[in-house]
Amino acid sequence: DPAEVARLQGDDGEAHVFRLDLTEAVLTWVEGNTIYFDFW
C-alpha cells in the first residue's frame, strides 16, 4: 500500500518495505566454558 510504505519509510525516498514475520529466533552467548542457546 503506497500510503503505508510512505508512512513507514518517512523521507527515505522510494523503496520496498517488508514486514518480517518470524518462525524462530535464537540468541547465543558464552559463559565460562559453556555456550548457551535460547531458542524460540
PDB file of all heavy atoms in Angstrom:
ATOM      1  N   ASP A   1       0.851  -1.182   0.000  1.00  0.00           N
ATOM      2  CA  ASP A   1       0.000   0.000   0.000  1.00  0.00           C
ATOM      3  C   ASP A   1       0.896   1.245   0.000  1.00  0.00           C
ATOM      4  O   ASP A   1       1.681   1.436   0.940  1.00  0.00           O
ATOM      5  CB  ASP A   1      -0.907   0.004   1.229  1.00  0.00           C
ATOM      6  CG  ASP A   1      -1.735   1.268   1.326  1.00  0.00           C
ATOM      7  OD1 ASP A   1      -2.495   1.554   0.386  1.00  0.00           O
ATOM      8  OD2 ASP A   1      -1.592   1.982   2.347  1.00  0.00           O
ATOM      9  N   PRO A   2       0.803   2.090  -1.038  1.00  0.00           N
ATOM     10  CA  PRO A   2       1.711   3.242  -1.143  1.00  0.00           C
ATOM     11  C   PRO A   2       1.674   4.171   0.068  1.00  0.00           C
ATOM     12  O   PRO A   2       2.714   4.665   0.505  1.00  0.00           O
ATOM     13  CB  PRO A   2       1.237   3.967  -2.410  1.00  0.00           C
ATOM     14  CG  PRO A   2       0.521   2.926  -3.206  1.00  0.00           C
ATOM     15  CD  PRO A   2      -0.083   1.990  -2.200  1.00  0.00           C
ATOM     16  N   ALA A   3       0.496   4.394   0.626  1.00  0.00           N
ATOM     17  CA  ALA A   3       0.396   5.275   1.790  1.00  0.00           C
ATOM     18  C   ALA A   3       1.089   4.656   3.001  1.00  0.00           C
ATOM     19  O   ALA A   3       1.767   5.352   3.761  1.00  0.00           O
ATOM     20  CB  ALA A   3      -1.074   5.572   2.104  1.00  0.00           C
ATOM     21  N   GLU A   4       0.936   3.350   3.166  1.00  0.00           N
ATOM     22  CA  GLU A   4       1.579   2.652   4.286  1.00  0.00           C
ATOM     23  C   GLU A   4       3.098   2.642   4.116  1.00  0.00           C
ATOM     24  O   GLU A   4       3.847   2.868   5.065  1.00  0.00           O
ATOM     25  CB  GLU A   4       1.031   1.232   4.406  1.00  0.00           C
ATOM     26  CG  GLU A   4       1.534   0.472   5.591  1.00  0.00           C
ATOM     27  CD  GLU A   4       1.027   0.971   6.930  1.00  0.00           C
ATOM     28  OE1 GLU A   4       0.252   1.932   7.004  1.00  0.00           O
ATOM     29  OE2 GLU A   4       1.447   0.387   7.944  1.00  0.00           O
ATOM     30  N   VAL A   5       3.562   2.399   2.895  1.00  0.00           N
ATOM     31  CA  VAL A   5       5.006   2.417   2.618  1.00  0.00           C
ATOM     32  C   VAL A   5       5.561   3.804   2.920  1.00  0.00           C
ATOM     33  O   VAL A   5       6.588   3.940   3.599  1.00  0.00           O
ATOM     34  CB  VAL A   5       5.299   2.014   1.157  1.00  0.00           C
ATOM     35  CG1 VAL A   5       6.768   2.257   0.812  1.00  0.00           C
ATOM     36  CG2 VAL A   5       4.941   0.549   0.932  1.00  0.00           C
ATOM     37  N   ALA A   6       4.884   4.840   2.447  1.00  0.00           N
ATOM     38  CA  ALA A   6       5.348   6.216   2.676  1.00  0.00           C
ATOM     39  C   ALA A   6       5.366   6.542   4.167  1.00  0.00           C
ATOM     40  O   ALA A   6       6.307   7.164   4.666  1.00  0.00           O
ATOM     41  CB  ALA A   6       4.462   7.204   1.928  1.00  0.00           C
ATOM     42  N   ARG A   7       4.360   6.097   4.895  1.00  0.00           N
ATOM     43  CA  ARG A   7       4.292   6.354   6.334  1.00  0.00           C
ATOM     44  C   ARG A   7       5.436   5.653   7.072  1.00  0.00           C
ATOM     45  O   ARG A   7       6.066   6.235   7.950  1.00  0.00           O
ATOM     46  CB  ARG A   7       2.942   5.877   6.881  1.00  0.00           C
ATOM     47  CG  ARG A   7       2.723   6.208   8.355  1.00  0.00           C
ATOM     48  CD  ARG A   7       1.391   5.670   8.835  1.00  0.00           C
ATOM     49  NE  ARG A   7       1.391   4.221   8.956  1.00  0.00           N
ATOM     50  CZ  ARG A   7       1.973   3.546   9.948  1.00  0.00           C
ATOM     51  NH1 ARG A   7       2.608   4.182  10.904  1.00  0.00           N
ATOM     52  NH2 ARG A   7       1.923   2.234   9.983  1.00  0.00           N
ATOM     53  N   LEU A   8       5.737   4.429   6.681  1.00  0.00           N
ATOM     54  CA  LEU A   8       6.764   3.656   7.377  1.00  0.00           C
ATOM     55  C   LEU A   8       8.180   4.098   7.038  1.00  0.00           C
ATOM     56  O   LEU A   8       9.054   4.064   7.886  1.00  0.00           O
ATOM     57  CB  LEU A   8       6.606   2.165   7.057  1.00  0.00           C
ATOM     58  CG  LEU A   8       5.399   1.497   7.688  1.00  0.00           C
ATOM     59  CD1 LEU A   8       5.202   0.106   7.117  1.00  0.00           C
ATOM     60  CD2 LEU A   8       5.518   1.451   9.199  1.00  0.00           C
ATOM     61  N   GLN A   9       8.421   4.509   5.810  1.00  0.00           N
ATOM     62  CA  GLN A   9       9.789   4.859   5.422  1.00  0.00           C
ATOM     63  C   GLN A   9      10.110   6.324   5.604  1.00  0.00           C
ATOM     64  O   GLN A   9      11.276   6.700   5.521  1.00  0.00           O
ATOM     65  CB  GLN A   9      10.082   4.415   3.999  1.00  0.00           C
ATOM     66  CG  GLN A   9       9.400   5.253   2.950  1.00  0.00           C
ATOM     67  CD  GLN A   9       9.706   4.737   1.564  1.00  0.00           C
ATOM     68  OE1 GLN A   9      10.019   3.580   1.391  1.00  0.00           O
ATOM     69  NE2 GLN A   9       9.622   5.601   0.595  1.00  0.00           N
ATOM     70  N   GLY A  10       9.132   7.163   5.839  1.00  0.00           N
ATOM     71  CA  GLY A  10       9.404   8.581   6.047  1.00  0.00           C
ATOM     72  C   GLY A  10       9.916   9.232   4.782  1.00  0.00           C
ATOM     73  O   GLY A  10       9.381   9.008   3.706  1.00  0.00           O
ATOM     74  N   ASP A  11      10.982  10.001   4.885  1.00  0.00           N
ATOM     75  CA  ASP A  11      11.529  10.749   3.749  1.00  0.00           C
ATOM     76  C   ASP A  11      12.676  10.026   3.055  1.00  0.00           C
ATOM     77  O   ASP A  11      13.526  10.650   2.440  1.00  0.00           O
ATOM     78  CB  ASP A  11      12.016  12.127   4.229  1.00  0.00           C
ATOM     79  CG  ASP A  11      10.876  13.003   4.698  1.00  0.00           C
ATOM     80  OD1 ASP A  11       9.752  12.824   4.189  1.00  0.00           O
ATOM     81  OD2 ASP A  11      11.110  13.856   5.566  1.00  0.00           O
ATOM     82  N   ASP A  12      12.722   8.705   3.152  1.00  0.00           N
ATOM     83  CA  ASP A  12      13.842   7.955   2.587  1.00  0.00           C
ATOM     84  C   ASP A  12      13.715   7.702   1.091  1.00  0.00           C
ATOM     85  O   ASP A  12      14.543   7.006   0.508  1.00  0.00           O
ATOM     86  CB  ASP A  12      13.995   6.612   3.308  1.00  0.00           C
ATOM     87  CG  ASP A  12      14.471   6.805   4.741  1.00  0.00           C
ATOM     88  OD1 ASP A  12      14.998   7.887   5.054  1.00  0.00           O
ATOM     89  OD2 ASP A  12      14.312   5.870   5.542  1.00  0.00           O
ATOM     90  N   GLY A  13      12.707   8.231   0.445  1.00  0.00           N
ATOM     91  CA  GLY A  13      12.532   8.017  -0.989  1.00  0.00           C
ATOM     92  C   GLY A  13      11.818   6.712  -1.272  1.00  0.00           C
ATOM     93  O   GLY A  13      11.385   5.999  -0.378  1.00  0.00           O
ATOM     94  N   GLU A  14      11.727   6.392  -2.558  1.00  0.00           N
ATOM     95  CA  GLU A  14      11.014   5.197  -2.976  1.00  0.00           C
ATOM     96  C   GLU A  14      11.807   3.948  -2.567  1.00  0.00           C
ATOM     97  O   GLU A  14      13.020   3.881  -2.768  1.00  0.00           O
ATOM     98  CB  GLU A  14      10.815   5.237  -4.488  1.00  0.00           C
ATOM     99  CG  GLU A  14       9.847   4.212  -4.978  1.00  0.00           C
ATOM    100  CD  GLU A  14       9.586   4.338  -6.481  1.00  0.00           C
ATOM    101  OE1 GLU A  14      10.198   5.193  -7.136  1.00  0.00           O
ATOM    102  OE2 GLU A  14       8.790   3.539  -6.973  1.00  0.00           O
ATOM    103  N   ALA A  15      11.103   2.958  -2.019  1.00  0.00           N
ATOM    104  CA  ALA A  15      11.768   1.735  -1.572  1.00  0.00           C
ATOM    105  C   ALA A  15      10.751   0.610  -1.406  1.00  0.00           C
ATOM    106  O   ALA A  15       9.554   0.850  -1.315  1.00  0.00           O
ATOM    107  CB  ALA A  15      12.485   1.966  -0.238  1.00  0.00           C
ATOM    108  N   HIS A  16      11.264  -0.616  -1.373  1.00  0.00           N
ATOM    109  CA  HIS A  16      10.457  -1.768  -0.960  1.00  0.00           C
ATOM    110  C   HIS A  16      10.505  -1.809   0.565  1.00  0.00           C
ATOM    111  O   HIS A  16      11.559  -1.554   1.160  1.00  0.00           O
ATOM    112  CB  HIS A  16      11.057  -3.076  -1.481  1.00  0.00           C
ATOM    113  CG  HIS A  16      11.072  -3.204  -2.962  1.00  0.00           C
ATOM    114  ND1 HIS A  16       9.952  -3.496  -3.707  1.00  0.00           N
ATOM    115  CD2 HIS A  16      12.093  -3.097  -3.848  1.00  0.00           C
ATOM    116  CE1 HIS A  16      10.278  -3.570  -4.981  1.00  0.00           C
ATOM    117  NE2 HIS A  16      11.581  -3.322  -5.095  1.00  0.00           N
ATOM    118  N   VAL A  17       9.397  -2.158   1.200  1.00  0.00           N
ATOM    119  CA  VAL A  17       9.353  -2.337   2.651  1.00  0.00           C
ATOM    120  C   VAL A  17       8.748  -3.711   2.922  1.00  0.00           C
ATOM    121  O   VAL A  17       7.687  -4.044   2.382  1.00  0.00           O
ATOM    122  CB  VAL A  17       8.520  -1.233   3.344  1.00  0.00           C
ATOM    123  CG1 VAL A  17       8.446  -1.489   4.850  1.00  0.00           C
ATOM    124  CG2 VAL A  17       9.103   0.141   3.060  1.00  0.00           C
ATOM    125  N   PHE A  18       9.428  -4.494   3.759  1.00  0.00           N
ATOM    126  CA  PHE A  18       8.975  -5.832   4.100  1.00  0.00           C
ATOM    127  C   PHE A  18       8.821  -5.959   5.615  1.00  0.00           C
ATOM    128  O   PHE A  18       9.699  -5.557   6.370  1.00  0.00           O
ATOM    129  CB  PHE A  18       9.989  -6.887   3.648  1.00  0.00           C
ATOM    130  CG  PHE A  18      10.164  -6.973   2.168  1.00  0.00           C
ATOM    131  CD1 PHE A  18      11.099  -6.185   1.518  1.00  0.00           C
ATOM    132  CD2 PHE A  18       9.398  -7.855   1.413  1.00  0.00           C
ATOM    133  CE1 PHE A  18      11.275  -6.268   0.146  1.00  0.00           C
ATOM    134  CE2 PHE A  18       9.567  -7.944   0.040  1.00  0.00           C
ATOM    135  CZ  PHE A  18      10.506  -7.144  -0.597  1.00  0.00           C
ATOM    136  N   ARG A  19       7.695  -6.545   6.037  1.00  0.00           N
ATOM    137  CA  ARG A  19       7.500  -6.909   7.442  1.00  0.00           C
ATOM    138  C   ARG A  19       8.059  -8.318   7.613  1.00  0.00           C
ATOM    139  O   ARG A  19       7.799  -9.199   6.799  1.00  0.00           O
ATOM    140  CB  ARG A  19       6.013  -6.894   7.798  1.00  0.00           C
ATOM    141  CG  ARG A  19       5.766  -7.204   9.288  1.00  0.00           C
ATOM    142  CD  ARG A  19       4.290  -7.321   9.622  1.00  0.00           C
ATOM    143  NE  ARG A  19       3.763  -8.549   9.060  1.00  0.00           N
ATOM    144  CZ  ARG A  19       2.743  -8.607   8.202  1.00  0.00           C
ATOM    145  NH1 ARG A  19       2.124  -7.521   7.802  1.00  0.00           N
ATOM    146  NH2 ARG A  19       2.327  -9.772   7.735  1.00  0.00           N
ATOM    147  N   LEU A  20       8.859  -8.536   8.655  1.00  0.00           N
ATOM    148  CA  LEU A  20       9.442  -9.839   8.911  1.00  0.00           C
ATOM    149  C   LEU A  20       8.591 -10.594   9.924  1.00  0.00           C
ATOM    150  O   LEU A  20       8.548 -10.246  11.100  1.00  0.00           O
ATOM    151  CB  LEU A  20      10.876  -9.688   9.424  1.00  0.00           C
ATOM    152  CG  LEU A  20      11.840  -8.945   8.498  1.00  0.00           C
ATOM    153  CD1 LEU A  20      13.232  -8.897   9.111  1.00  0.00           C
ATOM    154  CD2 LEU A  20      11.860  -9.555   7.107  1.00  0.00           C
ATOM    155  N   ASP A  21       7.882 -11.605   9.448  1.00  0.00           N
ATOM    156  CA  ASP A  21       7.116 -12.492  10.320  1.00  0.00           C
ATOM    157  C   ASP A  21       8.023 -13.654  10.695  1.00  0.00           C
ATOM    158  O   ASP A  21       8.726 -14.212   9.840  1.00  0.00           O
ATOM    159  CB  ASP A  21       5.856 -12.984   9.628  1.00  0.00           C
ATOM    160  CG  ASP A  21       4.824 -11.879   9.455  1.00  0.00           C
ATOM    161  OD1 ASP A  21       4.933 -10.841  10.145  1.00  0.00           O
ATOM    162  OD2 ASP A  21       3.904 -12.053   8.640  1.00  0.00           O
ATOM    163  N   LEU A  22       8.011 -14.028  11.962  1.00  0.00           N
ATOM    164  CA  LEU A  22       9.017 -14.952  12.494  1.00  0.00           C
ATOM    165  C   LEU A  22       8.496 -16.365  12.679  1.00  0.00           C
ATOM    166  O   LEU A  22       7.351 -16.575  13.081  1.00  0.00           O
ATOM    167  CB  LEU A  22       9.526 -14.439  13.836  1.00  0.00           C
ATOM    168  CG  LEU A  22      10.028 -12.993  13.874  1.00  0.00           C
ATOM    169  CD1 LEU A  22      10.523 -12.643  15.264  1.00  0.00           C
ATOM    170  CD2 LEU A  22      11.102 -12.761  12.828  1.00  0.00           C
ATOM    171  N   THR A  23       9.377 -17.319  12.419  1.00  0.00           N
ATOM    172  CA  THR A  23       9.130 -18.711  12.776  1.00  0.00           C
ATOM    173  C   THR A  23      10.103 -19.168  13.858  1.00  0.00           C
ATOM    174  O   THR A  23       9.818 -20.113  14.577  1.00  0.00           O
ATOM    175  CB  THR A  23       9.264 -19.657  11.563  1.00  0.00           C
ATOM    176  OG1 THR A  23      10.538 -19.463  10.962  1.00  0.00           O
ATOM    177  CG2 THR A  23       8.159 -19.384  10.548  1.00  0.00           C
ATOM    178  N   GLU A  24      11.271 -18.498  13.940  1.00  0.00           N
ATOM    179  CA  GLU A  24      12.196 -18.834  15.014  1.00  0.00           C
ATOM    180  C   GLU A  24      13.144 -17.677  15.302  1.00  0.00           C
ATOM    181  O   GLU A  24      13.349 -16.796  14.464  1.00  0.00           O
ATOM    182  CB  GLU A  24      12.987 -20.112  14.716  1.00  0.00           C
ATOM    183  CG  GLU A  24      13.954 -20.030  13.583  1.00  0.00           C
ATOM    184  CD  GLU A  24      14.688 -21.360  13.374  1.00  0.00           C
ATOM    185  OE1 GLU A  24      14.085 -22.433  13.515  1.00  0.00           O
ATOM    186  OE2 GLU A  24      15.877 -21.307  13.072  1.00  0.00           O
ATOM    187  N   ALA A  25      13.688 -17.725  16.520  1.00  0.00           N
ATOM    188  CA  ALA A  25      14.650 -16.722  16.979  1.00  0.00           C
ATOM    189  C   ALA A  25      15.645 -17.427  17.887  1.00  0.00           C
ATOM    190  O   ALA A  25      15.257 -18.294  18.686  1.00  0.00           O
ATOM    191  CB  ALA A  25      13.941 -15.606  17.735  1.00  0.00           C
ATOM    192  N   VAL A  26      16.925 -17.048  17.759  1.00  0.00           N
ATOM    193  CA  VAL A  26      17.975 -17.694  18.550  1.00  0.00           C
ATOM    194  C   VAL A  26      18.932 -16.631  19.084  1.00  0.00           C
ATOM    195  O   VAL A  26      19.371 -15.754  18.343  1.00  0.00           O
ATOM    196  CB  VAL A  26      18.787 -18.712  17.712  1.00  0.00           C
ATOM    197  CG1 VAL A  26      19.859 -19.379  18.568  1.00  0.00           C
ATOM    198  CG2 VAL A  26      17.879 -19.742  17.082  1.00  0.00           C
ATOM    199  N   LEU A  27      19.248 -16.730  20.349  1.00  0.00           N
ATOM    200  CA  LEU A  27      20.277 -15.904  20.968  1.00  0.00           C
ATOM    201  C   LEU A  27      21.343 -16.859  21.497  1.00  0.00           C
ATOM    202  O   LEU A  27      21.026 -17.817  22.207  1.00  0.00           O
ATOM    203  CB  LEU A  27      19.692 -15.078  22.120  1.00  0.00           C
ATOM    204  CG  LEU A  27      20.661 -14.091  22.757  1.00  0.00           C
ATOM    205  CD1 LEU A  27      20.806 -12.860  21.851  1.00  0.00           C
ATOM    206  CD2 LEU A  27      20.152 -13.660  24.122  1.00  0.00           C
ATOM    207  N   THR A  28      22.606 -16.602  21.145  1.00  0.00           N
ATOM    208  CA  THR A  28      23.717 -17.466  21.539  1.00  0.00           C
ATOM    209  C   THR A  28      24.719 -16.637  22.331  1.00  0.00           C
ATOM    210  O   THR A  28      25.031 -15.515  21.936  1.00  0.00           O
ATOM    211  CB  THR A  28      24.403 -18.038  20.275  1.00  0.00           C
ATOM    212  OG1 THR A  28      23.425 -18.673  19.461  1.00  0.00           O
ATOM    213  CG2 THR A  28      25.487 -19.025  20.640  1.00  0.00           C
ATOM    214  N   TRP A  29      25.217 -17.186  23.421  1.00  0.00           N
ATOM    215  CA  TRP A  29      26.243 -16.499  24.199  1.00  0.00           C
ATOM    216  C   TRP A  29      27.104 -17.508  24.942  1.00  0.00           C
ATOM    217  O   TRP A  29      26.742 -18.670  25.083  1.00  0.00           O
ATOM    218  CB  TRP A  29      25.634 -15.472  25.150  1.00  0.00           C
ATOM    219  CG  TRP A  29      25.045 -16.032  26.404  1.00  0.00           C
ATOM    220  CD1 TRP A  29      25.624 -16.093  27.628  1.00  0.00           C
ATOM    221  CD2 TRP A  29      23.756 -16.610  26.561  1.00  0.00           C
ATOM    222  NE1 TRP A  29      24.770 -16.677  28.543  1.00  0.00           N
ATOM    223  CE2 TRP A  29      23.625 -17.001  27.904  1.00  0.00           C
ATOM    224  CE3 TRP A  29      22.689 -16.853  25.701  1.00  0.00           C
ATOM    225  CZ2 TRP A  29      22.480 -17.619  28.399  1.00  0.00           C
ATOM    226  CZ3 TRP A  29      21.547 -17.455  26.182  1.00  0.00           C
ATOM    227  CH2 TRP A  29      21.451 -17.823  27.516  1.00  0.00           C
ATOM    228  N   VAL A  30      28.265 -17.034  25.391  1.00  0.00           N
ATOM    229  CA  VAL A  30      29.223 -17.881  26.098  1.00  0.00           C
ATOM    230  C   VAL A  30      29.367 -17.379  27.520  1.00  0.00           C
ATOM    231  O   VAL A  30      29.476 -16.178  27.765  1.00  0.00           O
ATOM    232  CB  VAL A  30      30.597 -17.866  25.387  1.00  0.00           C
ATOM    233  CG1 VAL A  30      31.633 -18.660  26.188  1.00  0.00           C
ATOM    234  CG2 VAL A  30      30.471 -18.398  23.968  1.00  0.00           C
ATOM    235  N   GLU A  31      29.371 -18.323  28.442  1.00  0.00           N
ATOM    236  CA  GLU A  31      29.590 -18.019  29.854  1.00  0.00           C
ATOM    237  C   GLU A  31      30.539 -19.089  30.394  1.00  0.00           C
ATOM    238  O   GLU A  31      30.201 -20.272  30.389  1.00  0.00           O
ATOM    239  CB  GLU A  31      28.249 -18.044  30.593  1.00  0.00           C
ATOM    240  CG  GLU A  31      28.285 -17.452  31.969  1.00  0.00           C
ATOM    241  CD  GLU A  31      26.879 -17.367  32.549  1.00  0.00           C
ATOM    242  OE1 GLU A  31      26.100 -16.521  32.080  1.00  0.00           O
ATOM    243  OE2 GLU A  31      26.582 -18.176  33.451  1.00  0.00           O
ATOM    244  N   GLY A  32      31.717 -18.657  30.808  1.00  0.00           N
ATOM    245  CA  GLY A  32      32.726 -19.627  31.248  1.00  0.00           C
ATOM    246  C   GLY A  32      33.113 -20.523  30.083  1.00  0.00           C
ATOM    247  O   GLY A  32      33.446 -20.050  29.001  1.00  0.00           O
ATOM    248  N   ASN A  33      33.030 -21.838  30.292  1.00  0.00           N
ATOM    249  CA  ASN A  33      33.333 -22.805  29.241  1.00  0.00           C
ATOM    250  C   ASN A  33      32.083 -23.377  28.592  1.00  0.00           C
ATOM    251  O   ASN A  33      32.125 -24.450  27.990  1.00  0.00           O
ATOM    252  CB  ASN A  33      34.173 -23.953  29.807  1.00  0.00           C
ATOM    253  CG  ASN A  33      35.571 -23.507  30.156  1.00  0.00           C
ATOM    254  OD1 ASN A  33      36.104 -22.602  29.521  1.00  0.00           O
ATOM    255  ND2 ASN A  33      36.160 -24.117  31.171  1.00  0.00           N
ATOM    256  N   THR A  34      30.964 -22.670  28.724  1.00  0.00           N
ATOM    257  CA  THR A  34      29.694 -23.173  28.203  1.00  0.00           C
ATOM    258  C   THR A  34      29.105 -22.193  27.199  1.00  0.00           C
ATOM    259  O   THR A  34      29.084 -20.990  27.444  1.00  0.00           O
ATOM    260  CB  THR A  34      28.687 -23.398  29.358  1.00  0.00           C
ATOM    261  OG1 THR A  34      29.265 -24.308  30.300  1.00  0.00           O
ATOM    262  CG2 THR A  34      27.371 -23.948  28.854  1.00  0.00           C
ATOM    263  N   ILE A  35      28.640 -22.733  26.071  1.00  0.00           N
ATOM    264  CA  ILE A  35      27.912 -21.923  25.107  1.00  0.00           C
ATOM    265  C   ILE A  35      26.421 -22.219  25.295  1.00  0.00           C
ATOM    266  O   ILE A  35      26.024 -23.374  25.452  1.00  0.00           O
ATOM    267  CB  ILE A  35      28.378 -22.197  23.652  1.00  0.00           C
ATOM    268  CG1 ILE A  35      27.720 -21.222  22.688  1.00  0.00           C
ATOM    269  CG2 ILE A  35      28.157 -23.641  23.242  1.00  0.00           C
ATOM    270  CD1 ILE A  35      28.341 -21.196  21.303  1.00  0.00           C
ATOM    271  N   TYR A  36      25.628 -21.149  25.359  1.00  0.00           N
ATOM    272  CA  TYR A  36      24.184 -21.262  25.586  1.00  0.00           C
ATOM    273  C   TYR A  36      23.431 -20.810  24.348  1.00  0.00           C
ATOM    274  O   TYR A  36      23.869 -19.917  23.621  1.00  0.00           O
ATOM    275  CB  TYR A  36      23.758 -20.381  26.764  1.00  0.00           C
ATOM    276  CG  TYR A  36      24.246 -20.884  28.090  1.00  0.00           C
ATOM    277  CD1 TYR A  36      25.443 -20.424  28.628  1.00  0.00           C
ATOM    278  CD2 TYR A  36      23.505 -21.808  28.818  1.00  0.00           C
ATOM    279  CE1 TYR A  36      25.900 -20.877  29.852  1.00  0.00           C
ATOM    280  CE2 TYR A  36      23.952 -22.265  30.042  1.00  0.00           C
ATOM    281  CZ  TYR A  36      25.146 -21.797  30.556  1.00  0.00           C
ATOM    282  OH  TYR A  36      25.596 -22.251  31.768  1.00  0.00           O
ATOM    283  N   PHE A  37      22.256 -21.415  24.163  1.00  0.00           N
ATOM    284  CA  PHE A  37      21.357 -21.073  23.067  1.00  0.00           C
ATOM    285  C   PHE A  37      19.957 -20.907  23.626  1.00  0.00           C
ATOM    286  O   PHE A  37      19.383 -21.875  24.132  1.00  0.00           O
ATOM    287  CB  PHE A  37      21.315 -22.190  22.014  1.00  0.00           C
ATOM    288  CG  PHE A  37      22.653 -22.667  21.558  1.00  0.00           C
ATOM    289  CD1 PHE A  37      23.306 -23.687  22.234  1.00  0.00           C
ATOM    290  CD2 PHE A  37      23.261 -22.104  20.449  1.00  0.00           C
ATOM    291  CE1 PHE A  37      24.549 -24.147  21.810  1.00  0.00           C
ATOM    292  CE2 PHE A  37      24.500 -22.552  20.023  1.00  0.00           C
ATOM    293  CZ  PHE A  37      25.142 -23.572  20.710  1.00  0.00           C
ATOM    294  N   ASP A  38      19.411 -19.699  23.588  1.00  0.00           N
ATOM    295  CA  ASP A  38      17.989 -19.503  23.872  1.00  0.00           C
ATOM    296  C   ASP A  38      17.297 -19.573  22.530  1.00  0.00           C
ATOM    297  O   ASP A  38      17.606 -18.800  21.611  1.00  0.00           O
ATOM    298  CB  ASP A  38      17.733 -18.150  24.544  1.00  0.00           C
ATOM    299  CG  ASP A  38      17.997 -18.194  26.032  1.00  0.00           C
ATOM    300  OD1 ASP A  38      18.210 -19.292  26.571  1.00  0.00           O
ATOM    301  OD2 ASP A  38      17.993 -17.125  26.660  1.00  0.00           O
ATOM    302  N   PHE A  39      16.372 -20.502  22.394  1.00  0.00           N
ATOM    303  CA  PHE A  39      15.788 -20.849  21.113  1.00  0.00           C
ATOM    304  C   PHE A  39      14.265 -20.788  21.223  1.00  0.00           C
ATOM    305  O   PHE A  39      13.679 -21.518  21.999  1.00  0.00           O
ATOM    306  CB  PHE A  39      16.256 -22.264  20.746  1.00  0.00           C
ATOM    307  CG  PHE A  39      15.867 -22.725  19.389  1.00  0.00           C
ATOM    308  CD1 PHE A  39      16.656 -22.413  18.299  1.00  0.00           C
ATOM    309  CD2 PHE A  39      14.728 -23.478  19.199  1.00  0.00           C
ATOM    310  CE1 PHE A  39      16.318 -22.856  17.042  1.00  0.00           C
ATOM    311  CE2 PHE A  39      14.378 -23.919  17.940  1.00  0.00           C
ATOM    312  CZ  PHE A  39      15.177 -23.610  16.855  1.00  0.00           C
ATOM    313  N   TRP A  40      13.644 -19.902  20.440  1.00  0.00           N
ATOM    314  CA  TRP A  40      12.185 -19.822  20.361  1.00  0.00           C
ATOM    315  C   TRP A  40      11.756 -20.284  18.981  1.00  0.00           C
ATOM    316  O   TRP A  40      12.342 -19.875  17.975  1.00  0.00           O
ATOM    317  CB  TRP A  40      11.711 -18.384  20.591  1.00  0.00           C
ATOM    318  CG  TRP A  40      10.246 -18.200  20.325  1.00  0.00           C
ATOM    319  CD1 TRP A  40       9.225 -18.378  21.211  1.00  0.00           C
ATOM    320  CD2 TRP A  40       9.640 -17.793  19.098  1.00  0.00           C
ATOM    321  NE1 TRP A  40       8.027 -18.112  20.600  1.00  0.00           N
ATOM    322  CE2 TRP A  40       8.253 -17.755  19.294  1.00  0.00           C
ATOM    323  CE3 TRP A  40      10.146 -17.475  17.837  1.00  0.00           C
ATOM    324  CZ2 TRP A  40       7.362 -17.400  18.287  1.00  0.00           C
ATOM    325  CZ3 TRP A  40       9.259 -17.124  16.822  1.00  0.00           C
ATOM    326  CH2 TRP A  40       7.881 -17.086  17.068  1.00  0.00           C
TER     327      TRP A  40
END
